Amino acid sequence: MQKPEKLVLAAIAVITLFVPLVAAQSTKTLEVEITYSGAGTVDSTHQIHLYLFDTPDISGGAMPIAWNSSSSNGASVKFTGLTDGKVYLVVAYGDYDVTMGPPPSGTPVAFYAPGDPMPTAIELTEPTTKISFRFDDSVRMP
């Protein structure tokens, strides 16, 4: 039988090894309260689609790191399992399949950029980050 001191030391060694792994794997959540104020109605066939990117350069071959949709205007949409860092939000409204590629030409779109003409980074430093975002029909996919 091992001495109690050795068991305590072994337990401390195991905890010391696993604490950095747990801290490194901590995930973040982004909660977006999204409101569309354009001409269309948000419902099960005309949804608000939200895309997260890890770069502000969303042109060309940039691929979203996550996406989600809402069939309810003014709803909160959650992205879970994100890591520390910055993300960039792009939203679109319409009746298209988000798994089939970018929104079709003419789709109302916007990127999160309060007061800035370029996409604004959303910093994911807290366990949960909450933002509100409104968009309309003023910008459309080319």
Protein backbone atom coordinates (compact mmCIF):
# COMPACT_ATOMS: atom_id res chain seq x y z
CA MET A 1 0.00 0.00 0.00
CA GLN A 2 1.28 3.46 -0.90
CA LYS A 3 1.81 6.12 1.70
CA PRO A 4 -0.78 8.93 1.79
CA GLU A 5 1.90 11.50 0.94
CA LYS A 6 2.71 9.68 -2.30
CA LEU A 7 -0.97 9.53 -3.27
CA VAL A 8 -1.34 13.27 -2.66
CA LEU A 9 1.76 14.00 -4.73
CA ALA A 10 0.48 11.77 -7.52
CA ALA A 11 -2.89 13.53 -7.47
CA ILE A 12 -1.22 16.95 -7.62
CA ALA A 13 0.93 15.80 -10.54
CA VAL A 14 -2.13 14.60 -12.47
CA ILE A 15 -4.05 17.82 -11.78
CA THR A 16 -1.04 19.91 -12.81
CA LEU A 17 -0.84 18.03 -16.11
CA PHE A 18 -4.53 18.35 -16.99
CA VAL A 19 -5.31 21.94 -15.91
CA PRO A 20 -3.42 23.50 -18.87
CA LEU A 21 -5.23 21.14 -21.26
CA VAL A 22 -8.64 22.13 -19.91
CA ALA A 23 -7.75 25.84 -20.05
CA ALA A 24 -6.47 25.52 -23.62
CA GLN A 25 -9.69 23.80 -24.68
CA SER A 26 -12.07 26.36 -23.16
CA THR A 27 -14.62 27.39 -25.72
CA LYS A 28 -16.44 30.62 -26.32
CA THR A 29 -20.03 31.42 -27.26
CA LEU A 30 -21.20 34.29 -29.45
CA GLU A 31 -24.83 35.28 -29.05
CA VAL A 32 -26.21 37.58 -31.76
CA GLU A 33 -29.56 39.32 -31.40
CA ILE A 34 -30.40 39.76 -35.09
CA THR A 35 -33.08 42.01 -36.56
CA TYR A 36 -33.94 42.40 -40.24
CA SER A 37 -35.86 45.62 -41.04
CA GLY A 38 -36.13 45.16 -44.79
CA ALA A 39 -39.22 44.62 -46.92
CA GLY A 40 -39.44 40.84 -46.50
CA THR A 41 -40.97 38.74 -43.75
CA VAL A 42 -38.74 36.49 -41.68
CA ASP A 43 -40.26 33.02 -41.47
CA SER A 44 -39.39 29.35 -42.01
CA THR A 45 -38.81 29.84 -45.74
CA HIS A 46 -37.27 33.34 -45.62
CA GLN A 47 -34.63 33.19 -42.95
CA ILE A 48 -31.84 35.36 -41.62
CA HIS A 49 -28.53 33.59 -42.26
CA LEU A 50 -25.47 34.39 -40.15
CA TYR A 51 -21.90 33.54 -41.15
CA LEU A 52 -18.74 33.83 -39.04
CA PHE A 53 -15.33 34.31 -40.62
CA ASP A 54 -11.88 34.36 -39.07
CA THR A 55 -10.73 37.11 -41.44
CA PRO A 56 -12.16 40.51 -42.44
CA ASP A 57 -11.35 39.70 -46.09
CA ILE A 58 -14.49 37.76 -46.93
CA SER A 59 -14.16 38.08 -50.70
CA GLY A 60 -12.96 35.39 -53.03
CA GLY A 61 -12.32 32.01 -51.50
CA ALA A 62 -12.87 32.87 -47.84
CA MET A 63 -14.90 30.18 -46.12
CA PRO A 64 -17.02 30.74 -43.02
CA ILE A 65 -15.86 28.99 -39.86
CA ALA A 66 -19.49 28.66 -38.71
CA TRP A 67 -22.99 29.51 -39.85
CA ASN A 68 -26.49 29.47 -38.44
CA SER A 69 -29.97 30.64 -39.44
CA SER A 70 -33.01 32.10 -37.75
CA SER A 71 -36.63 31.96 -38.86
CA SER A 72 -37.63 34.51 -36.22
CA ASN A 73 -36.92 38.23 -36.52
CA GLY A 74 -35.30 39.72 -33.42
CA ALA A 75 -34.18 36.31 -32.20
CA SER A 76 -30.91 35.50 -30.47
CA VAL A 77 -28.71 33.13 -32.45
CA LYS A 78 -25.89 31.32 -30.67
CA PHE A 79 -22.57 30.10 -31.98
CA THR A 80 -20.91 27.71 -29.56
CA GLY A 81 -17.57 25.95 -29.52
CA LEU A 82 -15.63 28.99 -30.73
CA THR A 83 -12.07 29.68 -29.63
CA ASP A 84 -10.37 32.80 -28.26
CA GLY A 85 -9.72 35.41 -30.90
CA LYS A 86 -11.58 37.54 -33.40
CA VAL A 87 -14.49 36.70 -35.67
CA TYR A 88 -16.27 38.70 -38.35
CA LEU A 89 -20.03 38.49 -38.84
CA VAL A 90 -21.84 38.60 -42.17
CA VAL A 91 -25.62 38.28 -42.42
CA ALA A 92 -28.03 37.71 -45.29
CA TYR A 93 -31.79 37.42 -45.72
CA GLY A 94 -33.54 35.07 -48.08
CA ASP A 95 -34.88 31.71 -49.14
CA TYR A 96 -31.74 29.88 -50.21
CA ASP A 97 -29.81 26.87 -48.92
CA VAL A 98 -26.79 28.08 -46.92
CA THR A 99 -24.96 24.80 -47.53
CA MET A 100 -24.91 25.41 -51.29
CA GLY A 101 -22.53 28.37 -51.25
CA PRO A 102 -22.73 32.14 -50.95
CA PRO A 103 -26.03 34.02 -51.12
CA PRO A 104 -27.40 34.48 -54.65
CA SER A 105 -27.17 37.80 -56.48
CA GLY A 106 -29.68 40.36 -55.20
CA THR A 107 -29.81 38.93 -51.66
CA PRO A 108 -29.84 41.57 -48.88
CA VAL A 109 -26.55 41.29 -46.97
CA ALA A 110 -24.57 43.20 -44.34
CA PHE A 111 -21.44 42.79 -42.27
CA TYR A 112 -21.07 43.72 -38.63
CA ALA A 113 -19.31 47.08 -38.67
CA PRO A 114 -20.78 49.63 -36.27
CA GLY A 115 -19.66 52.99 -37.62
CA ASP A 116 -16.96 51.53 -39.85
CA PRO A 117 -16.95 50.82 -43.61
CA MET A 118 -14.93 47.61 -43.07
CA PRO A 119 -16.00 44.50 -41.13
CA THR A 120 -15.41 45.01 -37.42
CA ALA A 121 -13.81 42.28 -35.35
CA ILE A 122 -15.85 40.75 -32.58
CA GLU A 123 -13.44 39.89 -29.77
CA LEU A 124 -14.13 36.53 -28.13
CA THR A 125 -12.40 36.96 -24.78
CA GLU A 126 -15.29 36.23 -22.42
CA PRO A 127 -17.05 32.87 -22.05
CA THR A 128 -20.10 34.46 -23.74
CA THR A 129 -20.05 37.55 -25.94
CA LYS A 130 -23.40 39.18 -26.79
CA ILE A 131 -24.04 41.65 -29.59
CA SER A 132 -27.11 43.15 -31.26
CA PHE A 133 -27.19 43.68 -35.01
CA ARG A 134 -29.78 45.24 -37.31
CA PHE A 135 -29.69 45.23 -41.08
CA ASP A 136 -31.99 46.03 -44.00
CA ASP A 137 -32.17 45.86 -47.81
CA SER A 138 -29.74 48.73 -48.49
CA VAL A 139 -26.87 46.42 -49.55
CA ARG A 140 -27.34 43.45 -51.85
CA MET A 141 -25.10 40.71 -53.21
CA PRO A 142 -23.75 41.73 -56.62
